[in-house]
Amino acid sequence: MNLSLITSLFLSLLLYWNQIQYSQLIGSWQLVHFDGMEKIVKSPQYQNANPMEKASMDARINYRLENTVYKFEEGDTLKFTDFENQTVVQKEVKIELVEGNMLLIHEEKGDRLAKIVEFSGDRMVLQPISKSSATGRLIFERIKKK
């Protein structure tokens, strides 16, 4: 009985220590990889494309990477770039970091969830949670202040 109580306390402490705090997220994060890139590069459309078409697809991938930045601000605000109709748009949403290292993102169109599956001071891996599709992981690196 005492052993199970000690084990439970130990696991609770371990979960608490592994819980990311919102203050650790504050700052700007650059998208450096998304699993969708691999799907595109491995697709028959890409594989069978001529060099000019491949260059065009590569340019779109790089454009997406270069223009996707998440900025977590004090309080509960996330500012980020998104793409709508092939255009970069700026968005600002309310966000919560909930139990289990889940980001709850409150948008006009409804709430979205993403799990932080890996986190260090300079790297964050998000796994969007969606009923409709498996979008794959998003890998971000912290933008260092100059």
Protein backbone atom coordinates (compact mmCIF):
# COMPACT_ATOMS: atom_id res chain seq x y z
CA MET A 1 0.00 0.00 0.00
CA ASN A 2 2.75 2.48 0.94
CA LEU A 3 4.66 1.53 -2.21
CA SER A 4 1.72 2.41 -4.47
CA LEU A 5 1.25 5.73 -2.65
CA ILE A 6 4.94 6.58 -3.09
CA THR A 7 4.78 5.55 -6.75
CA SER A 8 1.70 7.72 -7.30
CA LEU A 9 3.35 10.72 -5.67
CA PHE A 10 6.51 10.19 -7.72
CA LEU A 11 4.53 10.00 -10.99
CA SER A 12 2.56 13.12 -10.06
CA LEU A 13 5.77 15.05 -9.41
CA LEU A 14 7.29 13.77 -12.64
CA LEU A 15 4.25 14.93 -14.63
CA TYR A 16 4.36 18.31 -12.89
CA TRP A 17 8.06 18.78 -13.69
CA ASN A 18 7.48 17.78 -17.32
CA GLN A 19 4.55 20.19 -17.70
CA ILE A 20 5.56 23.12 -19.85
CA GLN A 21 4.78 26.55 -18.44
CA TYR A 22 3.36 29.25 -20.70
CA SER A 23 6.23 31.57 -19.74
CA GLN A 24 8.63 29.14 -21.49
CA LEU A 25 6.78 29.67 -24.78
CA ILE A 26 6.93 33.47 -24.76
CA GLY A 27 8.87 34.76 -27.73
CA SER A 28 8.99 34.17 -31.47
CA TRP A 29 9.24 30.75 -33.14
CA GLN A 30 10.12 30.09 -36.79
CA LEU A 31 8.72 27.06 -38.61
CA VAL A 32 11.69 25.05 -39.92
CA HIS A 33 10.00 21.80 -40.95
CA PHE A 34 6.56 20.33 -41.39
CA ASP A 35 5.70 16.75 -42.23
CA GLY A 36 3.63 17.94 -45.17
CA MET A 37 6.91 18.82 -46.93
CA GLU A 38 7.92 15.18 -46.99
CA LYS A 39 4.53 14.17 -48.40
CA ILE A 40 4.91 16.69 -51.20
CA VAL A 41 8.48 15.68 -52.05
CA LYS A 42 7.56 11.98 -52.06
CA SER A 43 4.38 12.51 -54.09
CA PRO A 44 4.16 11.28 -57.69
CA GLN A 45 3.37 14.84 -58.80
CA TYR A 46 6.71 16.06 -57.42
CA GLN A 47 8.70 12.98 -58.44
CA ASN A 48 7.44 13.17 -62.05
CA ALA A 49 7.75 16.94 -62.35
CA ASN A 50 10.26 18.58 -64.63
CA PRO A 51 13.05 20.67 -63.02
CA MET A 52 11.12 23.93 -63.42
CA GLU A 53 7.99 22.52 -61.75
CA LYS A 54 10.10 21.06 -58.91
CA ALA A 55 11.78 24.43 -58.42
CA SER A 56 8.35 26.07 -58.21
CA MET A 57 7.15 23.56 -55.59
CA ASP A 58 10.39 23.97 -53.62
CA ALA A 59 9.95 27.75 -53.71
CA ARG A 60 6.41 27.44 -52.31
CA ILE A 61 7.64 25.17 -49.51
CA ASN A 62 10.44 27.60 -48.63
CA TYR A 63 8.04 30.54 -48.78
CA ARG A 64 5.76 28.77 -46.32
CA LEU A 65 8.67 28.04 -43.95
CA GLU A 66 10.08 31.56 -44.12
CA ASN A 67 6.70 33.17 -43.51
CA THR A 68 5.37 31.00 -40.69
CA VAL A 69 6.22 32.56 -37.34
CA TYR A 70 4.41 32.03 -34.03
CA LYS A 71 4.81 34.80 -31.46
CA PHE A 72 3.63 33.92 -27.95
CA GLU A 73 3.02 37.06 -25.90
CA GLU A 74 2.53 37.72 -22.21
CA GLY A 75 -0.90 36.75 -21.01
CA ASP A 76 -2.73 34.53 -23.43
CA THR A 77 -2.08 35.89 -26.92
CA LEU A 78 -0.59 34.16 -29.94
CA LYS A 79 0.20 36.17 -33.06
CA PHE A 80 1.04 34.14 -36.12
CA THR A 81 1.20 34.17 -39.86
CA ASP A 82 -1.16 31.96 -41.80
CA PHE A 83 -2.04 31.37 -45.42
CA GLU A 84 -5.45 32.09 -46.91
CA ASN A 85 -5.94 31.86 -50.67
CA GLN A 86 -2.15 31.74 -51.25
CA THR A 87 -1.73 34.99 -49.30
CA VAL A 88 0.14 35.52 -46.04
CA VAL A 89 -2.15 36.96 -43.35
CA GLN A 90 -1.47 37.96 -39.76
CA LYS A 91 -3.70 36.52 -37.07
CA GLU A 92 -4.06 37.10 -33.36
CA VAL A 93 -5.82 34.56 -31.16
CA LYS A 94 -6.30 33.72 -27.52
CA ILE A 95 -4.49 30.61 -26.38
CA GLU A 96 -4.40 28.34 -23.36
CA LEU A 97 -1.79 25.83 -22.32
CA VAL A 98 -3.81 23.03 -20.76
CA GLU A 99 -2.92 19.82 -18.98
CA GLY A 100 -0.83 17.37 -20.91
CA ASN A 101 1.08 20.11 -22.77
CA MET A 102 -1.85 20.82 -25.07
CA LEU A 103 -2.30 24.19 -26.75
CA LEU A 104 -5.94 25.21 -27.01
CA ILE A 105 -6.18 27.85 -29.73
CA HIS A 106 -9.35 29.96 -29.76
CA GLU A 107 -10.05 31.14 -33.34
CA GLU A 108 -13.09 32.75 -34.96
CA LYS A 109 -13.90 29.53 -36.81
CA GLY A 110 -13.66 27.47 -33.60
CA ASP A 111 -11.13 26.03 -31.22
CA ARG A 112 -8.14 24.02 -32.39
CA LEU A 113 -5.82 21.75 -30.43
CA ALA A 114 -2.13 21.00 -30.79
CA LYS A 115 0.01 18.85 -28.53
CA ILE A 116 3.54 19.93 -27.70
CA VAL A 117 5.29 16.60 -28.26
CA GLU A 118 8.82 17.91 -27.78
CA PHE A 119 10.12 21.06 -26.14
CA SER A 120 13.45 22.60 -25.24
CA GLY A 121 14.39 26.22 -24.86
CA ASP A 122 15.18 26.48 -28.58
CA ARG A 123 13.00 23.82 -30.24
CA MET A 124 9.31 23.01 -30.13
CA VAL A 125 7.47 20.25 -31.97
CA LEU A 126 3.70 20.58 -32.33
CA GLN A 127 1.30 17.86 -33.41
CA PRO A 128 -2.02 19.37 -34.50
CA ILE A 129 -5.02 17.38 -33.26
CA SER A 130 -7.71 17.17 -35.91
CA LYS A 131 -10.66 14.87 -36.57
CA SER A 132 -10.58 15.48 -40.31
CA SER A 133 -6.96 14.76 -41.17
CA ALA A 134 -3.50 13.96 -39.91
CA THR A 135 -1.63 17.13 -40.74
CA GLY A 136 1.69 15.98 -39.32
CA ARG A 137 4.19 17.55 -37.01
CA LEU A 138 5.35 21.16 -37.13
CA ILE A 139 8.91 21.85 -35.96
CA PHE A 140 9.77 25.33 -34.75
CA GLU A 141 13.01 26.92 -33.61
CA ARG A 142 13.13 29.92 -31.30
CA ILE A 143 14.11 33.16 -33.01
CA LYS A 144 16.94 34.57 -30.96
CA LYS A 145 16.85 38.26 -30.14
CA LYS A 146 19.64 40.23 -31.78
